[in-house]
Amino acid sequence: MTLYYLGSPYSKYPNGINAAFRDVAQLAARLLMKGYIVYSPIAHTHPIAIYGGINPLDHKIWLPFDQKMIVVCDAMIVARMDGWKDSFGIGEEIKMFEAAGKPIYDVDPATLEIIAREKNK
């Protein structure tokens, strides 16, 4: 069973971090219903940050956490949500998956079409 890491924009999401959380949680649920087992760092850690009083934008806290999750995930799915190209976090996650030689896919949030990403795209 493949475990997918679902990369999505957060701080660069046009409608803010709460909307990013909501929208990626909905996307993760839709993917789950299609049979994809996904871990979403935003859907899974946003509530921890908000209700735990942790800065949700502090990369010094979240990138090491993400690195540990990337080790256990088999592949990455990049959610092509507004702001994804400008996301520092997604860029770092992609670099980590590429360095590990793990596959990366792109997903269209509207259609759920998943396409294998060419290397260094």
N, C-alpha and C. Protein backbone atom coordinates (compact mmCIF):
# COMPACT_ATOMS: atom_id res chain seq x y z
N MET A 1 0.85 -1.19 0.00
CA MET A 1 0.00 0.00 0.00
C MET A 1 0.89 1.25 0.00
N THR A 2 0.67 2.12 -0.92
CA THR A 2 1.47 3.33 -1.07
C THR A 2 0.95 4.44 -0.15
N LEU A 3 1.86 5.08 0.56
CA LEU A 3 1.54 6.23 1.39
C LEU A 3 2.02 7.47 0.65
N TYR A 4 1.09 8.37 0.33
CA TYR A 4 1.39 9.59 -0.41
C TYR A 4 1.47 10.79 0.53
N TYR A 5 2.44 11.62 0.30
CA TYR A 5 2.61 12.90 1.00
C TYR A 5 1.95 13.95 0.14
N LEU A 6 0.94 14.62 0.65
CA LEU A 6 0.17 15.59 -0.12
C LEU A 6 0.68 17.00 0.14
N GLY A 7 1.50 17.51 -0.77
CA GLY A 7 2.03 18.87 -0.65
C GLY A 7 1.00 19.87 -1.13
N SER A 8 0.83 20.94 -0.36
CA SER A 8 -0.15 21.95 -0.72
C SER A 8 0.29 23.31 -0.18
N PRO A 9 -0.18 24.40 -0.81
CA PRO A 9 0.20 25.73 -0.32
C PRO A 9 -0.46 26.03 1.02
N TYR A 10 0.19 26.88 1.76
CA TYR A 10 -0.33 27.26 3.08
C TYR A 10 -0.20 28.77 3.24
N SER A 11 0.98 29.26 3.52
CA SER A 11 1.15 30.69 3.75
C SER A 11 0.90 31.52 2.49
N LYS A 12 1.08 30.93 1.33
CA LYS A 12 0.87 31.64 0.06
C LYS A 12 -0.52 31.40 -0.53
N TYR A 13 -1.38 30.71 0.22
CA TYR A 13 -2.73 30.46 -0.29
C TYR A 13 -3.50 31.78 -0.27
N PRO A 14 -4.10 32.17 -1.39
CA PRO A 14 -4.72 33.50 -1.49
C PRO A 14 -5.77 33.81 -0.43
N ASN A 15 -6.48 32.80 0.05
CA ASN A 15 -7.55 33.04 1.02
C ASN A 15 -7.12 32.83 2.46
N GLY A 16 -5.83 32.62 2.69
CA GLY A 16 -5.31 32.50 4.05
C GLY A 16 -5.13 31.06 4.50
N ILE A 17 -4.48 30.92 5.66
CA ILE A 17 -4.12 29.58 6.12
C ILE A 17 -5.31 28.75 6.57
N ASN A 18 -6.33 29.37 7.10
CA ASN A 18 -7.51 28.58 7.50
C ASN A 18 -8.22 28.00 6.28
N ALA A 19 -8.31 28.78 5.23
CA ALA A 19 -8.90 28.29 3.98
C ALA A 19 -8.02 27.21 3.36
N ALA A 20 -6.70 27.38 3.46
CA ALA A 20 -5.78 26.36 2.94
C ALA A 20 -6.01 25.04 3.67
N PHE A 21 -6.13 25.12 4.99
CA PHE A 21 -6.40 23.93 5.80
C PHE A 21 -7.70 23.26 5.37
N ARG A 22 -8.76 24.03 5.28
CA ARG A 22 -10.07 23.49 4.90
C ARG A 22 -10.03 22.85 3.52
N ASP A 23 -9.46 23.58 2.55
CA ASP A 23 -9.47 23.09 1.18
C ASP A 23 -8.61 21.85 0.98
N VAL A 24 -7.45 21.79 1.63
CA VAL A 24 -6.62 20.60 1.47
C VAL A 24 -7.18 19.43 2.26
N ALA A 25 -7.85 19.69 3.38
CA ALA A 25 -8.51 18.60 4.11
C ALA A 25 -9.60 17.98 3.24
N GLN A 26 -10.35 18.82 2.53
CA GLN A 26 -11.37 18.32 1.63
C GLN A 26 -10.75 17.53 0.48
N LEU A 27 -9.64 18.03 -0.06
CA LEU A 27 -8.95 17.32 -1.14
C LEU A 27 -8.42 15.97 -0.64
N ALA A 28 -7.83 15.96 0.54
CA ALA A 28 -7.32 14.71 1.11
C ALA A 28 -8.45 13.70 1.29
N ALA A 29 -9.60 14.16 1.74
CA ALA A 29 -10.75 13.27 1.92
C ALA A 29 -11.21 12.70 0.58
N ARG A 30 -11.25 13.53 -0.44
CA ARG A 30 -11.66 13.06 -1.77
C ARG A 30 -10.67 12.03 -2.31
N LEU A 31 -9.37 12.28 -2.11
CA LEU A 31 -8.36 11.32 -2.55
C LEU A 31 -8.48 10.01 -1.78
N LEU A 32 -8.72 10.12 -0.48
CA LEU A 32 -8.90 8.93 0.35
C LEU A 32 -10.08 8.10 -0.15
N MET A 33 -11.16 8.76 -0.52
CA MET A 33 -12.34 8.05 -1.01
C MET A 33 -12.07 7.39 -2.38
N LYS A 34 -11.05 7.87 -3.09
CA LYS A 34 -10.66 7.24 -4.37
C LYS A 34 -9.61 6.15 -4.16
N GLY A 35 -9.23 5.90 -2.92
CA GLY A 35 -8.31 4.82 -2.63
C GLY A 35 -6.87 5.23 -2.38
N TYR A 36 -6.59 6.53 -2.36
CA TYR A 36 -5.23 7.01 -2.08
C TYR A 36 -5.07 7.23 -0.58
N ILE A 37 -4.03 6.64 -0.02
CA ILE A 37 -3.72 6.86 1.40
C ILE A 37 -2.79 8.06 1.44
N VAL A 38 -3.27 9.18 1.99
CA VAL A 38 -2.49 10.41 1.98
C VAL A 38 -2.22 10.93 3.38
N TYR A 39 -1.03 11.47 3.52
CA TYR A 39 -0.67 12.26 4.69
C TYR A 39 -0.55 13.69 4.19
N SER A 40 -1.27 14.61 4.80
CA SER A 40 -1.20 16.02 4.44
C SER A 40 -0.60 16.79 5.61
N PRO A 41 0.59 17.37 5.45
CA PRO A 41 1.16 18.12 6.56
C PRO A 41 0.27 19.29 6.99
N ILE A 42 -0.46 19.86 6.08
CA ILE A 42 -1.35 20.97 6.46
C ILE A 42 -2.59 20.46 7.18
N ALA A 43 -3.26 19.48 6.59
CA ALA A 43 -4.48 18.96 7.23
C ALA A 43 -4.20 18.31 8.58
N HIS A 44 -3.02 17.70 8.70
CA HIS A 44 -2.72 16.99 9.94
C HIS A 44 -2.07 17.86 11.01
N THR A 45 -1.38 18.95 10.64
CA THR A 45 -0.68 19.73 11.67
C THR A 45 -1.25 21.12 11.91
N HIS A 46 -2.06 21.65 11.01
CA HIS A 46 -2.66 22.98 11.22
C HIS A 46 -3.41 23.03 12.56
N PRO A 47 -4.25 22.04 12.87
CA PRO A 47 -4.94 22.12 14.17
C PRO A 47 -3.97 22.05 15.36
N ILE A 48 -2.89 21.30 15.21
CA ILE A 48 -1.90 21.23 16.29
C ILE A 48 -1.30 22.61 16.53
N ALA A 49 -0.95 23.30 15.44
CA ALA A 49 -0.37 24.64 15.56
C ALA A 49 -1.37 25.61 16.16
N ILE A 50 -2.56 25.63 15.60
CA ILE A 50 -3.56 26.61 16.03
C ILE A 50 -3.98 26.39 17.48
N TYR A 51 -4.33 25.17 17.83
CA TYR A 51 -4.84 24.89 19.18
C TYR A 51 -3.74 24.64 20.20
N GLY A 52 -2.50 24.42 19.70
CA GLY A 52 -1.38 24.23 20.60
C GLY A 52 -0.56 25.48 20.83
N GLY A 53 -0.95 26.58 20.18
CA GLY A 53 -0.23 27.83 20.36
C GLY A 53 1.15 27.84 19.74
N ILE A 54 1.33 27.08 18.63
CA ILE A 54 2.60 27.01 17.93
C ILE A 54 2.49 27.86 16.66
N ASN A 55 3.54 28.58 16.34
CA ASN A 55 3.52 29.40 15.13
C ASN A 55 3.37 28.48 13.91
N PRO A 56 2.26 28.58 13.19
CA PRO A 56 2.04 27.69 12.04
C PRO A 56 2.96 27.98 10.86
N LEU A 57 3.67 29.11 10.89
CA LEU A 57 4.51 29.50 9.77
C LEU A 57 6.01 29.37 10.06
N ASP A 58 6.36 28.80 11.19
CA ASP A 58 7.76 28.68 11.59
C ASP A 58 8.40 27.46 10.94
N HIS A 59 9.15 27.69 9.87
CA HIS A 59 9.77 26.58 9.14
C HIS A 59 10.77 25.80 9.99
N LYS A 60 11.34 26.45 11.02
CA LYS A 60 12.29 25.75 11.89
C LYS A 60 11.59 24.64 12.69
N ILE A 61 10.32 24.80 12.92
CA ILE A 61 9.54 23.78 13.62
C ILE A 61 9.01 22.73 12.64
N TRP A 62 8.42 23.19 11.54
CA TRP A 62 7.67 22.29 10.67
C TRP A 62 8.50 21.54 9.64
N LEU A 63 9.58 22.12 9.13
CA LEU A 63 10.37 21.39 8.14
C LEU A 63 11.02 20.12 8.70
N PRO A 64 11.58 20.13 9.92
CA PRO A 64 12.10 18.87 10.46
C PRO A 64 11.00 17.82 10.65
N PHE A 65 9.81 18.26 11.04
CA PHE A 65 8.67 17.37 11.17
C PHE A 65 8.34 16.77 9.81
N ASP A 66 8.28 17.64 8.80
CA ASP A 66 7.99 17.18 7.43
C ASP A 66 9.04 16.20 6.94
N GLN A 67 10.31 16.47 7.24
CA GLN A 67 11.40 15.58 6.80
C GLN A 67 11.19 14.16 7.33
N LYS A 68 10.77 14.05 8.57
CA LYS A 68 10.53 12.72 9.15
C LYS A 68 9.38 12.02 8.44
N MET A 69 8.35 12.77 8.09
CA MET A 69 7.21 12.18 7.39
C MET A 69 7.58 11.80 5.95
N ILE A 70 8.43 12.59 5.33
CA ILE A 70 8.86 12.28 3.96
C ILE A 70 9.62 10.96 3.93
N VAL A 71 10.37 10.67 4.97
CA VAL A 71 11.12 9.41 5.04
C VAL A 71 10.17 8.21 4.96
N VAL A 72 9.01 8.30 5.62
CA VAL A 72 8.10 7.15 5.65
C VAL A 72 7.13 7.12 4.48
N CYS A 73 6.95 8.25 3.79
CA CYS A 73 6.04 8.28 2.64
C CYS A 73 6.74 7.72 1.41
N ASP A 74 5.96 7.07 0.58
CA ASP A 74 6.49 6.42 -0.62
C ASP A 74 6.57 7.34 -1.83
N ALA A 75 5.70 8.34 -1.88
CA ALA A 75 5.61 9.23 -3.03
C ALA A 75 4.96 10.53 -2.60
N MET A 76 5.10 11.54 -3.44
CA MET A 76 4.49 12.84 -3.17
C MET A 76 3.45 13.16 -4.22
N ILE A 77 2.37 13.77 -3.78
CA ILE A 77 1.38 14.34 -4.68
C ILE A 77 1.35 15.84 -4.40
N VAL A 78 1.59 16.64 -5.44
CA VAL A 78 1.55 18.09 -5.31
C VAL A 78 0.16 18.57 -5.72
N ALA A 79 -0.52 19.21 -4.79
CA ALA A 79 -1.85 19.76 -5.06
C ALA A 79 -1.68 21.07 -5.81
N ARG A 80 -2.19 21.13 -7.01
CA ARG A 80 -2.07 22.34 -7.83
C ARG A 80 -3.13 23.36 -7.42
N MET A 81 -3.10 23.73 -6.15
CA MET A 81 -4.00 24.74 -5.62
C MET A 81 -3.38 26.11 -5.84
N ASP A 82 -4.20 27.15 -5.83
CA ASP A 82 -3.68 28.51 -5.99
C ASP A 82 -2.53 28.75 -5.01
N GLY A 83 -1.43 29.28 -5.53
CA GLY A 83 -0.28 29.60 -4.68
C GLY A 83 0.76 28.51 -4.57
N TRP A 84 0.52 27.35 -5.17
CA TRP A 84 1.45 26.24 -4.99
C TRP A 84 2.83 26.54 -5.57
N LYS A 85 2.87 27.27 -6.68
CA LYS A 85 4.16 27.57 -7.31
C LYS A 85 5.02 28.52 -6.46
N ASP A 86 4.37 29.34 -5.64
CA ASP A 86 5.07 30.32 -4.81
C ASP A 86 5.39 29.79 -3.42
N SER A 87 5.01 28.56 -3.13
CA SER A 87 5.16 28.00 -1.79
C SER A 87 6.59 27.55 -1.52
N PHE A 88 7.21 28.15 -0.53
CA PHE A 88 8.55 27.74 -0.10
C PHE A 88 8.52 26.29 0.38
N GLY A 89 7.50 25.95 1.17
CA GLY A 89 7.39 24.61 1.73
C GLY A 89 7.30 23.53 0.66
N ILE A 90 6.46 23.74 -0.33
CA ILE A 90 6.33 22.75 -1.41
C ILE A 90 7.66 22.60 -2.14
N GLY A 91 8.33 23.71 -2.38
CA GLY A 91 9.63 23.65 -3.04
C GLY A 91 10.62 22.81 -2.25
N GLU A 92 10.64 22.97 -0.94
CA GLU A 92 11.54 22.19 -0.09
C GLU A 92 11.14 20.71 -0.07
N GLU A 93 9.84 20.46 -0.01
CA GLU A 93 9.36 19.07 0.00
C GLU A 93 9.72 18.36 -1.31
N ILE A 94 9.54 19.05 -2.43
CA ILE A 94 9.89 18.48 -3.72
C ILE A 94 11.37 18.13 -3.76
N LYS A 95 12.22 19.05 -3.27
CA LYS A 95 13.67 18.78 -3.23
C LYS A 95 13.97 17.53 -2.42
N MET A 96 13.30 17.36 -1.30
CA MET A 96 13.54 16.19 -0.44
C MET A 96 13.10 14.90 -1.13
N PHE A 97 11.96 14.93 -1.80
CA PHE A 97 11.50 13.74 -2.52
C PHE A 97 12.42 13.42 -3.69
N GLU A 98 12.87 14.46 -4.40
CA GLU A 98 13.80 14.23 -5.51
C GLU A 98 15.11 13.64 -4.99
N ALA A 99 15.63 14.18 -3.89
CA ALA A 99 16.89 13.68 -3.32
C ALA A 99 16.77 12.22 -2.89
N ALA A 100 15.57 11.85 -2.44
CA ALA A 100 15.34 10.47 -2.02
C ALA A 100 15.02 9.55 -3.19
N GLY A 101 14.86 10.11 -4.38
CA GLY A 101 14.54 9.31 -5.55
C GLY A 101 13.13 8.76 -5.54
N LYS A 102 12.25 9.44 -4.82
CA LYS A 102 10.86 8.98 -4.72
C LYS A 102 10.00 9.69 -5.76
N PRO A 103 8.98 9.00 -6.29
CA PRO A 103 8.14 9.60 -7.34
C PRO A 103 7.32 10.79 -6.84
N ILE A 104 7.08 11.71 -7.77
CA ILE A 104 6.28 12.90 -7.50
C ILE A 104 5.19 12.98 -8.56
N TYR A 105 3.99 13.28 -8.12
CA TYR A 105 2.83 13.41 -9.00
C TYR A 105 2.19 14.77 -8.76
N ASP A 106 1.43 15.23 -9.72
CA ASP A 106 0.63 16.45 -9.59
C ASP A 106 -0.83 16.05 -9.63
N VAL A 107 -1.65 16.74 -8.83
CA VAL A 107 -3.08 16.48 -8.86
C VAL A 107 -3.83 17.78 -9.12
N ASP A 108 -4.80 17.70 -9.99
CA ASP A 108 -5.71 18.81 -10.24
C ASP A 108 -6.82 18.70 -9.18
N PRO A 109 -6.95 19.67 -8.27
CA PRO A 109 -7.94 19.56 -7.20
C PRO A 109 -9.39 19.49 -7.69
N ALA A 110 -9.66 20.04 -8.86
CA ALA A 110 -11.03 20.03 -9.37
C ALA A 110 -11.41 18.67 -9.93
N THR A 111 -10.51 18.07 -10.70
CA THR A 111 -10.84 16.81 -11.39
C THR A 111 -10.27 15.57 -10.71
N LEU A 112 -9.31 15.77 -9.81
CA LEU A 112 -8.55 14.69 -9.16
C LEU A 112 -7.68 13.91 -10.15
N GLU A 113 -7.44 14.49 -11.33
CA GLU A 113 -6.53 13.86 -12.28
C GLU A 113 -5.12 13.93 -11.71
N ILE A 114 -4.47 12.77 -11.66
CA ILE A 114 -3.11 12.67 -11.13
C ILE A 114 -2.17 12.31 -12.28
N ILE A 115 -1.12 13.13 -12.40
CA ILE A 115 -0.16 12.94 -13.49
C ILE A 115 1.25 12.84 -12.90
N ALA A 116 2.00 11.85 -13.38
CA ALA A 116 3.38 11.68 -12.94
C ALA A 116 4.18 12.90 -13.37
N ARG A 117 4.98 13.40 -12.46
CA ARG A 117 5.80 14.57 -12.74
C ARG A 117 7.13 14.13 -13.36
N GLU A 118 7.53 14.87 -14.37
CA GLU A 118 8.85 14.63 -14.95
C GLU A 118 9.89 15.15 -13.98
N LYS A 119 11.05 14.55 -13.99
CA LYS A 119 12.12 14.99 -13.08
C LYS A 119 12.46 16.46 -13.33
N ASN A 120 12.65 17.19 -12.21
CA ASN A 120 13.04 18.61 -12.22
C ASN A 120 12.04 19.51 -12.94
N LYS A 121 10.76 19.18 -12.83
CA LYS A 121 9.72 20.01 -13.47
C LYS A 121 9.43 21.22 -12.61
